[in-house]
Amino acid sequence: MPSTEDEGTLKRNRGALVIAAAVLLLHAVNGAYTTYGYFRDELYYIACSEHIGWGYVDHPPLSIALLWLVRAVAGDSLFVLRFLPGLAHALTVLFTASFAGSFGGGQRARTVAALGIAAAPGITGINGIYSMNAFDILLWSAVFFAVLRLTETDRPYWWLVTGAVLGLGMMNKISMGWLAVGIAAGTALTPLRRWLRTPWPWSAAALALLLFLPYIIWNVQNDWAHLEFARNASSHKYASQNPVTFLLGLLTLWHPLAVPVWTAGAIFLFRSVSAERKVIGYAVATVLVILLANVHSKAEYFNPAAPPLFAAGAVWLERATQKRPRLTGAYAVLLAVTGAALLPLALDIVPAGSLPGYMRTIGAPVPSTEGHRMGALPQHFADRHGWKELAERVAEVYTQLPEEERQHSAVYTQNYGEAAAIDFFGRGRSLPPAMSGHNSYWLWSRERISDSIRVLIAVGGKEDDYRDTFSEVTLAAVHRAPLAMPYEAELPIYICRGPRVPLRFVWPATKHYM
């Protein structure tokens, strides 16, 4: 029989448990019945999982290793791919409710905190596709949980838990390092600094570094590929931001009606929690300063810091409405209803043809954080269209080649999305593996470059550029995908014959880390 204490804990978290279950069900149903296709990065992640290693140009290996295991056990359908990010979202909801409890909140605070994370369209959208970002939010929450447990129990092994999760988090996404700096700052600025006279925090730091070491070694072996990627992405890919546009981005990502909660939460973390628990506030503030100092930081980079802010704000709301608890309930209902109305901005639940009209109806803009010209759909949705058709079009061009040419041919694309789509949807069509100079595909393709390649099927790009390398260039087809991003809505497919020099000599110039 459960104890009275267990029954009380279950009652206090009942609302959060219901919300977490609803979140998981929502993601599972969306993955099973979506009318959209695979997201660009999902196809790339699948390609990465077929090249298992200790690192990739644009990300560490943890999420790829997990995907390899998932694919080996359950396949790579959209339902399978999106179940784990959905589960990560549900677990983040529960962590957030737990933080509200740690900050002194009761059942209403825990429920509102959980609802805030569930209703935030930016967080729901990130957890709606397979990528490292969904696990990033969960792992940050696990770090916050470990640090709070340290302040509650004073047991030193929570330092080792913190270090282990930080290390695993950096092997998922290196931005976890921002949180590591924040925890260090919070430790130094609160009574937790007493631990610095013991080996425990230093052991935690060493453990985190040890777990992250394989990715450092991989970068050393690959000419610091990730640093080159990050430098190029910041300089040429991401649109410039300022504190105003950054904070306005949070307003959209975290739901406009939730602004009073998380802003109050930011104040609460410094004014209304115990001295040691202020470490969370200092950690979050440090991360914010780091992001604002970099003009290319996207607002979504701050998503992992949302759980403690929503939790603290929910406790503030519960206390502010203590004499009128129905106000908390009314706010929760309003947040849930409007959050449901915003779901089509996060998950592909509205048919693509109807989405632009729906966005105009609710006054939602079509944003771009990468400086691209936008089409009818936000990039988050546009990048789910046209991939299968592209592979089919390339396969048609390939099968029209004479047998002799097919034996000495290769497929080249402008970016990893196109290459991964051709590899994934081209399975069973006898297509050669796609090559590209974009990110990790450049490394994989470098190993496949051969002097025996006499014919190149080139997707995208300019005809004149190919004529510099080949003696004959013919436009064979045009792939059209009106719902894709404008730069991929109409892609020429060329047949390039007779390389003027062996391709291994020109391959280094194709490298495009961004």
Protein backbone atom coordinates (compact mmCIF):
# COMPACT_ATOMS: atom_id res chain seq x y z
CA MET A 1 0.00 0.00 0.00
CA PRO A 2 1.33 3.49 -0.81
CA SER A 3 2.27 5.58 2.19
CA THR A 4 0.44 8.75 3.14
CA GLU A 5 3.45 10.75 1.95
CA ASP A 6 3.38 8.97 -1.43
CA GLU A 7 -0.33 9.63 -1.76
CA GLY A 8 0.25 13.31 -1.01
CA THR A 9 3.02 13.53 -3.60
CA LEU A 10 0.81 11.86 -6.20
CA LYS A 11 -2.04 14.25 -5.44
CA ARG A 12 0.18 17.32 -5.69
CA ASN A 13 1.50 16.14 -9.06
CA ARG A 14 -1.76 14.75 -10.44
CA GLY A 15 -2.33 17.67 -12.81
CA ALA A 16 1.25 17.54 -14.07
CA LEU A 17 0.99 13.80 -14.70
CA VAL A 18 -2.18 14.28 -16.74
CA ILE A 19 -0.55 17.06 -18.75
CA ALA A 20 2.59 14.98 -19.37
CA ALA A 21 0.48 12.03 -20.57
CA ALA A 22 -1.48 14.34 -22.88
CA VAL A 23 1.77 15.75 -24.30
CA LEU A 24 3.14 12.29 -25.03
CA LEU A 25 -0.13 11.22 -26.64
CA LEU A 26 -0.20 14.38 -28.77
CA HIS A 27 3.29 13.77 -30.14
CA ALA A 28 2.60 10.07 -30.74
CA VAL A 29 -0.60 10.77 -32.67
CA ASN A 30 1.05 13.56 -34.65
CA GLY A 31 3.92 11.28 -35.62
CA ALA A 32 1.57 8.49 -36.65
CA TYR A 33 -0.90 10.56 -38.68
CA THR A 34 1.04 13.54 -40.00
CA THR A 35 0.35 14.50 -43.61
CA TYR A 36 3.74 16.20 -43.89
CA GLY A 37 7.02 14.42 -44.53
CA TYR A 38 10.37 14.00 -42.85
CA PHE A 39 12.05 17.19 -41.70
CA ARG A 40 15.36 18.01 -43.42
CA ASP A 41 17.43 17.42 -40.29
CA GLU A 42 15.67 14.13 -39.54
CA LEU A 43 16.89 12.78 -42.87
CA TYR A 44 20.39 14.05 -42.11
CA TYR A 45 20.31 12.44 -38.67
CA ILE A 46 19.35 9.14 -40.28
CA ALA A 47 22.32 9.52 -42.63
CA CYS A 48 24.56 10.26 -39.62
CA SER A 49 23.31 7.10 -37.89
CA GLU A 50 24.64 5.13 -40.85
CA HIS A 51 28.10 6.62 -40.22
CA ILE A 52 28.46 5.97 -36.49
CA GLY A 53 31.46 7.71 -34.98
CA TRP A 54 32.61 9.94 -32.14
CA GLY A 55 31.59 13.13 -33.83
CA TYR A 56 30.06 15.03 -36.72
CA VAL A 57 30.85 18.42 -38.18
CA ASP A 58 27.74 20.11 -36.81
CA HIS A 59 26.98 18.18 -33.63
CA PRO A 60 28.33 15.67 -31.09
CA PRO A 61 27.33 11.99 -31.36
CA LEU A 62 24.93 11.20 -28.49
CA SER A 63 21.63 11.80 -30.30
CA ILE A 64 22.96 9.91 -33.33
CA ALA A 65 23.96 6.90 -31.26
CA LEU A 66 20.49 6.89 -29.71
CA LEU A 67 18.93 7.10 -33.17
CA TRP A 68 21.07 4.20 -34.38
CA LEU A 69 19.74 2.10 -31.51
CA VAL A 70 16.14 3.15 -32.15
CA ARG A 71 16.39 2.36 -35.85
CA ALA A 72 17.96 -1.03 -35.12
CA VAL A 73 15.09 -1.93 -32.79
CA ALA A 74 12.03 -0.24 -34.27
CA GLY A 75 12.86 1.16 -37.72
CA ASP A 76 12.73 4.74 -38.94
CA SER A 77 9.07 5.57 -39.51
CA LEU A 78 7.95 9.06 -38.52
CA PHE A 79 6.06 7.61 -35.57
CA VAL A 80 9.20 5.90 -34.28
CA LEU A 81 11.45 8.90 -34.90
CA ARG A 82 9.15 11.34 -33.16
CA PHE A 83 8.13 9.22 -30.19
CA LEU A 84 11.39 9.80 -28.29
CA PRO A 85 11.34 13.61 -28.65
CA GLY A 86 7.70 13.48 -27.53
CA LEU A 87 8.74 11.43 -24.50
CA ALA A 88 11.48 13.96 -23.79
CA HIS A 89 8.86 16.72 -23.84
CA ALA A 90 6.63 14.81 -21.42
CA LEU A 91 9.55 14.21 -19.04
CA THR A 92 10.48 17.90 -19.22
CA VAL A 93 6.92 18.72 -18.18
CA LEU A 94 7.34 16.51 -15.11
CA PHE A 95 10.72 18.03 -14.27
CA THR A 96 9.16 21.49 -14.42
CA ALA A 97 6.42 20.48 -11.98
CA SER A 98 9.13 19.06 -9.72
CA PHE A 99 10.99 22.39 -9.79
CA ALA A 100 7.79 24.17 -8.73
CA GLY A 101 7.62 21.82 -5.76
CA SER A 102 11.26 22.51 -4.89
CA PHE A 103 10.51 26.25 -4.92
CA GLY A 104 7.67 25.75 -2.43
CA GLY A 105 4.73 25.38 -4.78
CA GLY A 106 1.65 23.27 -4.20
CA GLN A 107 -0.62 21.43 -6.60
CA ARG A 108 -1.81 24.54 -8.46
CA ALA A 109 1.74 25.80 -8.99
CA ARG A 110 2.93 22.43 -10.25
CA THR A 111 0.02 22.19 -12.67
CA VAL A 112 0.50 25.71 -14.05
CA ALA A 113 4.26 25.13 -14.40
CA ALA A 114 3.67 21.91 -16.31
CA LEU A 115 1.04 23.55 -18.47
CA GLY A 116 3.40 26.41 -19.32
CA ILE A 117 5.98 24.05 -20.81
CA ALA A 118 3.27 22.03 -22.55
CA ALA A 119 1.65 25.11 -24.11
CA ALA A 120 4.84 26.84 -25.29
CA PRO A 121 4.75 26.48 -29.10
CA GLY A 122 8.51 26.87 -29.49
CA ILE A 123 9.21 24.03 -27.08
CA THR A 124 6.45 21.84 -28.51
CA GLY A 125 7.80 22.40 -32.03
CA ILE A 126 11.37 21.51 -31.07
CA ASN A 127 10.09 18.30 -29.48
CA GLY A 128 7.97 17.51 -32.52
CA ILE A 129 10.89 16.30 -34.64
CA TYR A 130 13.92 14.12 -33.99
CA SER A 131 16.96 16.24 -33.26
CA MET A 132 19.47 16.87 -30.51
CA ASN A 133 17.46 19.92 -29.42
CA ALA A 134 14.64 17.92 -27.81
CA PHE A 135 17.11 16.00 -25.66
CA ASP A 136 19.00 19.22 -24.93
CA ILE A 137 16.00 20.68 -23.12
CA LEU A 138 15.51 17.45 -21.15
CA LEU A 139 19.19 17.20 -20.18
CA TRP A 140 19.28 20.82 -18.98
CA SER A 141 16.27 20.00 -16.81
CA ALA A 142 18.10 16.97 -15.43
CA VAL A 143 21.01 19.23 -14.46
CA PHE A 144 18.67 21.69 -12.73
CA PHE A 145 17.06 18.76 -10.91
CA ALA A 146 20.43 17.42 -9.70
CA VAL A 147 21.54 20.86 -8.47
CA LEU A 148 18.27 21.39 -6.62
CA ARG A 149 18.57 17.97 -5.02
CA LEU A 150 22.07 18.95 -3.90
CA THR A 151 20.68 22.05 -2.19
CA GLU A 152 17.87 20.02 -0.59
CA THR A 153 19.84 17.00 0.65
CA ASP A 154 23.40 18.32 1.01
CA ARG A 155 24.58 14.94 -0.25
CA PRO A 156 27.81 15.26 -2.22
CA TYR A 157 27.07 12.54 -4.77
CA TRP A 158 24.66 14.95 -6.45
CA TRP A 159 27.76 16.79 -7.63
CA LEU A 160 28.78 13.68 -9.54
CA VAL A 161 25.29 13.34 -10.98
CA THR A 162 25.49 16.97 -12.09
CA GLY A 163 28.86 16.40 -13.72
CA ALA A 164 27.71 13.23 -15.46
CA VAL A 165 24.63 14.90 -16.93
CA LEU A 166 26.65 17.94 -18.00
CA GLY A 167 29.10 15.66 -19.79
CA LEU A 168 26.37 13.67 -21.50
CA GLY A 169 24.62 16.91 -22.37
CA MET A 170 27.72 18.28 -24.08
CA MET A 171 27.99 15.01 -26.01
CA ASN A 172 24.48 15.80 -27.23
CA LYS A 173 24.91 19.54 -27.89
CA ILE A 174 27.87 21.66 -26.87
CA SER A 175 25.63 24.54 -25.77
CA MET A 176 25.32 22.56 -22.53
CA GLY A 177 28.66 24.22 -21.82
CA TRP A 178 26.81 27.51 -21.32
CA LEU A 179 24.90 25.91 -18.45
CA ALA A 180 28.14 24.53 -17.01
CA VAL A 181 29.49 28.09 -16.89
CA GLY A 182 26.22 29.22 -15.32
CA ILE A 183 26.35 26.54 -12.61
CA ALA A 184 29.95 27.49 -11.86
CA ALA A 185 28.97 31.16 -11.56
CA GLY A 186 25.99 30.31 -9.36
CA THR A 187 28.15 28.16 -7.11
CA ALA A 188 30.65 30.97 -6.63
CA LEU A 189 27.94 33.58 -5.94
CA THR A 190 25.89 31.60 -3.40
CA PRO A 191 26.61 29.72 -0.16
CA LEU A 192 27.29 26.68 -2.32
CA ARG A 193 30.79 28.10 -2.63
CA ARG A 194 31.63 26.21 0.56
CA TRP A 195 31.75 23.08 -1.60
CA LEU A 196 34.67 24.53 -3.53
CA ARG A 197 36.89 23.62 -0.57
CA THR A 198 36.00 19.95 -1.15
CA PRO A 199 36.88 17.65 -4.08
CA TRP A 200 33.25 17.15 -5.14
CA PRO A 201 32.61 20.03 -7.58
CA TRP A 202 36.08 19.57 -9.07
CA SER A 203 35.38 15.86 -9.51
CA ALA A 204 32.11 16.76 -11.22
CA ALA A 205 33.95 19.08 -13.62
CA ALA A 206 36.54 16.37 -14.34
CA LEU A 207 33.80 13.82 -14.99
CA ALA A 208 32.00 16.15 -17.40
CA LEU A 209 35.26 16.81 -19.26
CA LEU A 210 36.06 13.09 -19.39
CA LEU A 211 32.69 12.29 -20.93
CA PHE A 212 33.10 15.10 -23.48
CA LEU A 213 36.70 14.19 -24.30
CA PRO A 214 35.89 11.84 -27.24
CA TYR A 215 34.31 14.71 -29.18
CA ILE A 216 37.31 16.92 -28.47
CA ILE A 217 39.61 14.20 -29.78
CA TRP A 218 37.43 13.76 -32.87
CA ASN A 219 37.71 17.48 -33.57
CA VAL A 220 41.49 17.38 -33.19
CA GLN A 221 41.58 14.55 -35.72
CA ASN A 222 39.32 16.47 -38.11
CA ASP A 223 40.97 19.90 -38.05
CA TRP A 224 38.55 21.31 -35.46
CA ALA A 225 35.64 20.86 -37.83
CA HIS A 226 32.98 21.95 -35.35
CA LEU A 227 34.73 25.23 -34.60
CA GLU A 228 34.89 25.97 -38.32
CA PHE A 229 31.19 25.11 -38.62
CA ALA A 230 30.21 27.35 -35.69
CA ARG A 231 32.30 30.26 -37.00
CA ASN A 232 30.80 30.03 -40.50
CA ALA A 233 27.24 29.59 -39.22
CA SER A 234 27.52 32.66 -37.01
CA SER A 235 29.02 34.78 -39.76
CA HIS A 236 26.96 33.72 -42.77
CA LYS A 237 23.92 31.66 -41.77
CA TYR A 238 22.10 33.14 -38.80
CA ALA A 239 20.35 36.49 -38.96
CA SER A 240 21.65 39.15 -36.59
CA GLN A 241 19.70 39.65 -33.36
CA ASN A 242 19.61 42.30 -30.65
CA PRO A 243 18.20 42.11 -27.11
CA VAL A 244 14.81 43.39 -28.29
CA THR A 245 14.40 40.90 -31.14
CA PHE A 246 15.75 38.13 -28.89
CA LEU A 247 13.21 38.81 -26.15
CA LEU A 248 10.39 39.25 -28.69
CA GLY A 249 11.35 35.84 -30.01
CA LEU A 250 10.86 34.38 -26.53
CA LEU A 251 7.44 35.99 -26.38
CA THR A 252 6.41 33.94 -29.43
CA LEU A 253 8.26 30.77 -28.51
CA TRP A 254 6.96 30.59 -24.94
CA HIS A 255 3.37 31.78 -25.63
CA PRO A 256 2.47 35.48 -25.32
CA LEU A 257 0.10 34.90 -22.40
CA ALA A 258 2.87 33.19 -20.43
CA VAL A 259 5.07 36.29 -20.31
CA PRO A 260 3.86 37.38 -16.83
CA VAL A 261 4.67 33.93 -15.44
CA TRP A 262 8.23 33.48 -16.65
CA THR A 263 9.20 37.12 -16.10
CA ALA A 264 7.88 36.88 -12.54
CA GLY A 265 9.78 33.60 -12.28
CA ALA A 266 13.04 35.35 -13.14
CA ILE A 267 12.49 37.78 -10.25
CA PHE A 268 11.30 35.02 -7.92
CA LEU A 269 14.52 33.02 -8.44
CA PHE A 270 16.52 35.88 -6.89
CA ARG A 271 14.12 37.21 -4.28
CA SER A 272 12.01 34.38 -2.94
CA VAL A 273 14.06 31.18 -2.84
CA SER A 274 16.65 30.08 -0.31
CA ALA A 275 20.18 31.43 -0.64
CA GLU A 276 21.58 28.20 -2.05
CA ARG A 277 18.77 27.74 -4.55
CA LYS A 278 19.61 31.09 -6.06
CA VAL A 279 22.24 29.08 -7.93
CA ILE A 280 19.49 28.33 -10.47
CA GLY A 281 18.77 32.02 -11.00
CA TYR A 282 22.45 32.87 -11.43
CA ALA A 283 22.88 29.96 -13.87
CA VAL A 284 19.93 31.10 -16.00
CA ALA A 285 21.08 34.73 -15.90
CA THR A 286 24.60 33.76 -16.94
CA VAL A 287 23.29 31.81 -19.94
CA LEU A 288 21.14 34.79 -20.94
CA VAL A 289 24.12 37.14 -20.78
CA ILE A 290 26.18 34.76 -22.94
CA LEU A 291 23.42 34.59 -25.55
CA LEU A 292 22.78 38.33 -25.63
CA ALA A 293 26.50 38.99 -25.98
CA ASN A 294 26.46 37.01 -29.25
CA VAL A 295 24.38 38.94 -31.79
CA HIS A 296 23.76 35.74 -33.77
CA SER A 297 22.11 33.84 -30.90
CA LYS A 298 18.58 32.69 -31.72
CA ALA A 299 15.87 33.01 -29.09
CA GLU A 300 15.29 29.26 -29.26
CA TYR A 301 18.76 28.72 -27.76
CA PHE A 302 17.24 29.86 -24.47
CA ASN A 303 14.50 27.21 -24.58
CA PRO A 304 16.30 24.85 -22.15
CA ALA A 305 16.22 27.57 -19.48
CA ALA A 306 12.42 27.79 -19.60
CA PRO A 307 11.52 25.03 -17.07
CA PRO A 308 12.90 26.69 -13.90
CA LEU A 309 11.55 30.09 -15.01
CA PHE A 310 8.05 28.70 -15.55
CA ALA A 311 8.24 26.75 -12.30
CA ALA A 312 9.28 29.76 -10.23
CA GLY A 313 6.68 31.94 -11.93
CA ALA A 314 3.95 29.41 -11.24
CA VAL A 315 4.82 29.46 -7.53
CA TRP A 316 4.64 33.25 -7.60
CA LEU A 317 1.20 33.06 -9.26
CA GLU A 318 -0.06 30.54 -6.72
CA ARG A 319 0.99 32.80 -3.86
CA ALA A 320 -0.32 35.96 -5.52
CA THR A 321 -3.78 34.37 -5.95
CA GLN A 322 -3.82 32.52 -2.64
CA LYS A 323 -7.02 34.25 -1.53
CA ARG A 324 -8.59 33.82 -4.98
CA PRO A 325 -7.45 30.40 -6.18
CA ARG A 326 -10.03 30.41 -8.98
CA LEU A 327 -7.95 33.05 -10.73
CA THR A 328 -5.15 30.51 -11.07
CA GLY A 329 -7.60 28.01 -12.50
CA ALA A 330 -9.00 30.55 -14.95
CA TYR A 331 -5.50 31.45 -16.10
CA ALA A 332 -4.64 27.78 -16.57
CA VAL A 333 -7.75 27.23 -18.69
CA LEU A 334 -6.97 30.32 -20.79
CA LEU A 335 -3.38 29.15 -21.29
CA ALA A 336 -4.52 25.67 -22.30
CA VAL A 337 -7.15 26.90 -24.77
CA THR A 338 -4.88 29.45 -26.44
CA GLY A 339 -2.01 26.95 -26.39
CA ALA A 340 -4.19 24.54 -28.34
CA ALA A 341 -4.94 27.31 -30.85
CA LEU A 342 -1.19 27.83 -31.33
CA LEU A 343 -0.42 24.13 -31.83
CA PRO A 344 -0.57 24.40 -35.65
CA LEU A 345 2.44 26.73 -35.41
CA ALA A 346 4.42 23.97 -33.70
CA LEU A 347 3.18 20.64 -35.07
CA ASP A 348 2.11 19.67 -38.57
CA ILE A 349 -1.57 19.17 -37.73
CA VAL A 350 -3.09 21.62 -40.21
CA PRO A 351 -2.86 20.66 -43.93
CA ALA A 352 -0.06 22.56 -45.61
CA GLY A 353 -2.40 24.27 -48.04
CA SER A 354 -4.50 25.65 -45.18
CA LEU A 355 -1.68 26.67 -42.85
CA PRO A 356 -0.90 30.10 -44.41
CA GLY A 357 -4.57 31.10 -44.10
CA TYR A 358 -4.69 29.88 -40.51
CA MET A 359 -1.56 31.88 -39.68
CA ARG A 360 -3.05 35.02 -41.20
CA THR A 361 -6.24 34.48 -39.19
CA ILE A 362 -4.40 34.39 -35.86
CA GLY A 363 -1.92 37.08 -36.92
CA ALA A 364 1.16 34.87 -36.81
CA PRO A 365 4.18 35.97 -38.89
CA VAL A 366 6.31 33.67 -41.06
CA PRO A 367 9.66 33.95 -39.26
CA SER A 368 13.18 33.14 -40.39
CA THR A 369 16.14 32.97 -38.02
CA GLU A 370 18.59 32.15 -40.82
CA GLY A 371 18.10 35.19 -43.06
CA HIS A 372 16.42 33.28 -45.91
CA ARG A 373 13.68 34.54 -48.17
CA MET A 374 10.50 32.82 -47.00
CA GLY A 375 7.75 31.12 -48.96
CA ALA A 376 4.18 30.38 -47.95
CA LEU A 377 5.24 28.18 -45.01
CA PRO A 378 7.61 28.82 -42.10
CA GLN A 379 10.94 27.09 -42.63
CA HIS A 380 10.09 24.68 -39.80
CA PHE A 381 7.33 23.29 -42.06
CA ALA A 382 8.70 24.06 -45.52
CA ASP A 383 11.65 21.78 -44.85
CA ARG A 384 9.26 18.80 -44.67
CA HIS A 385 8.22 18.98 -48.31
CA GLY A 386 9.60 17.72 -51.60
CA TRP A 387 12.24 15.25 -50.41
CA LYS A 388 10.71 12.01 -51.68
CA GLU A 389 9.87 13.64 -55.01
CA LEU A 390 13.46 14.88 -55.33
CA ALA A 391 14.83 11.37 -54.88
CA GLU A 392 12.35 10.04 -57.43
CA ARG A 393 13.35 12.70 -59.95
CA VAL A 394 17.06 11.96 -59.52
CA ALA A 395 16.35 8.23 -59.86
CA GLU A 396 14.57 8.89 -63.16
CA VAL A 397 17.58 10.77 -64.49
CA TYR A 398 19.91 8.03 -63.28
CA THR A 399 17.96 5.20 -64.91
CA GLN A 400 17.98 7.06 -68.24
CA LEU A 401 21.77 6.88 -68.34
CA PRO A 402 23.34 4.11 -70.44
CA GLU A 403 24.50 1.16 -68.34
CA GLU A 404 28.15 1.97 -68.98
CA GLU A 405 27.68 5.50 -67.62
CA ARG A 406 25.72 4.34 -64.57
CA GLN A 407 28.67 2.19 -63.55
CA HIS A 408 30.91 5.28 -63.45
CA SER A 409 28.48 7.86 -62.12
CA ALA A 410 27.86 9.73 -58.86
CA VAL A 411 25.18 12.02 -57.43
CA TYR A 412 26.15 15.44 -56.08
CA THR A 413 23.95 17.87 -54.11
CA GLN A 414 24.29 21.36 -52.67
CA ASN A 415 23.45 20.50 -49.06
CA TYR A 416 22.97 17.69 -46.58
CA GLY A 417 19.17 17.82 -46.79
CA GLU A 418 19.16 17.02 -50.49
CA ALA A 419 21.87 14.38 -50.10
CA ALA A 420 20.17 12.69 -47.15
CA ALA A 421 16.80 12.70 -48.94
CA ILE A 422 18.32 11.00 -51.98
CA ASP A 423 20.05 8.42 -49.79
CA PHE A 424 16.92 7.70 -47.74
CA PHE A 425 14.22 7.74 -50.40
CA GLY A 426 16.55 6.37 -53.06
CA ARG A 427 16.96 3.07 -51.25
CA GLY A 428 16.00 0.21 -53.54
CA ARG A 429 16.53 2.30 -56.68
CA SER A 430 20.20 1.32 -57.11
CA LEU A 431 21.30 4.94 -56.81
CA PRO A 432 24.93 5.51 -55.80
CA PRO A 433 25.36 7.19 -52.39
CA ALA A 434 24.82 10.92 -52.64
CA MET A 435 27.81 13.20 -52.24
CA SER A 436 27.89 16.77 -50.99
CA GLY A 437 30.36 19.28 -49.63
CA HIS A 438 27.99 20.25 -46.83
CA ASN A 439 29.04 19.45 -43.25
CA SER A 440 29.61 15.76 -42.47
CA TYR A 441 28.70 14.76 -46.01
CA TRP A 442 31.97 16.38 -47.12
CA LEU A 443 33.94 13.97 -44.93
CA TRP A 444 31.94 10.93 -46.03
CA SER A 445 32.05 11.91 -49.71
CA ARG A 446 35.80 12.55 -49.60
CA GLU A 447 36.27 8.85 -48.97
CA ARG A 448 34.14 7.96 -52.03
CA ILE A 449 35.77 10.27 -54.55
CA SER A 450 37.31 8.13 -57.27
CA ASP A 451 39.05 8.72 -60.56
CA SER A 452 36.58 6.24 -62.06
CA ILE A 453 33.73 8.78 -61.79
CA ARG A 454 33.06 9.99 -65.32
CA VAL A 455 29.46 11.21 -64.99
CA LEU A 456 28.01 13.40 -62.24
CA ILE A 457 24.30 13.90 -61.65
CA ALA A 458 24.33 17.34 -60.03
CA VAL A 459 21.35 18.66 -58.09
CA GLY A 460 21.04 22.43 -57.88
CA GLY A 461 23.78 24.95 -58.43
CA LYS A 462 24.68 26.96 -61.52
CA GLU A 463 25.40 25.43 -64.91
CA ASP A 464 28.42 27.66 -65.51
CA ASP A 465 30.07 26.46 -62.32
CA TYR A 466 29.85 22.84 -63.46
CA ARG A 467 31.27 23.77 -66.88
CA ASP A 468 34.48 24.81 -65.15
CA THR A 469 35.01 21.17 -64.15
CA PHE A 470 33.22 19.14 -66.87
CA SER A 471 33.44 19.29 -70.65
CA GLU A 472 29.73 18.61 -71.14
CA VAL A 473 26.82 19.79 -68.95
CA THR A 474 23.19 19.03 -69.84
CA LEU A 475 20.02 20.08 -68.03
CA ALA A 476 18.21 16.74 -67.57
CA ALA A 477 15.25 17.67 -65.37
CA VAL A 478 13.85 20.21 -62.93
CA HIS A 479 12.52 19.22 -59.52
CA ARG A 480 9.63 21.40 -58.35
CA ALA A 481 8.33 21.54 -54.78
CA PRO A 482 6.15 24.66 -54.34
CA LEU A 483 5.77 24.20 -50.57
CA ALA A 484 9.52 23.89 -49.95
CA MET A 485 11.82 26.79 -49.14
CA PRO A 486 12.16 29.15 -52.15
CA TYR A 487 15.79 28.17 -52.75
CA GLU A 488 14.70 24.53 -53.13
CA ALA A 489 11.30 24.99 -54.73
CA GLU A 490 12.77 24.65 -58.22
CA LEU A 491 16.01 22.66 -58.47
CA PRO A 492 17.74 21.96 -61.79
CA ILE A 493 19.24 18.49 -62.21
CA TYR A 494 22.25 18.37 -64.53
CA ILE A 495 24.17 15.53 -66.15
CA CYS A 496 27.84 16.44 -66.15
CA ARG A 497 30.18 14.38 -68.32
CA GLY A 498 33.91 14.31 -68.93
CA PRO A 499 35.69 15.76 -65.90
CA ARG A 500 38.52 17.99 -67.01
CA VAL A 501 40.61 16.91 -64.00
CA PRO A 502 40.21 14.03 -61.53
CA LEU A 503 37.47 15.01 -59.05
CA ARG A 504 39.73 14.35 -56.08
CA PHE A 505 41.64 17.48 -57.03
CA VAL A 506 38.57 19.74 -56.94
CA TRP A 507 36.83 18.09 -53.99
CA PRO A 508 38.59 20.11 -51.23
CA ALA A 509 37.07 23.31 -52.66
CA THR A 510 33.54 21.96 -52.22
CA LYS A 511 33.81 21.93 -48.41
CA HIS A 512 30.93 23.91 -46.96
CA TYR A 513 30.78 23.76 -43.15
CA MET A 514 27.75 25.83 -42.14
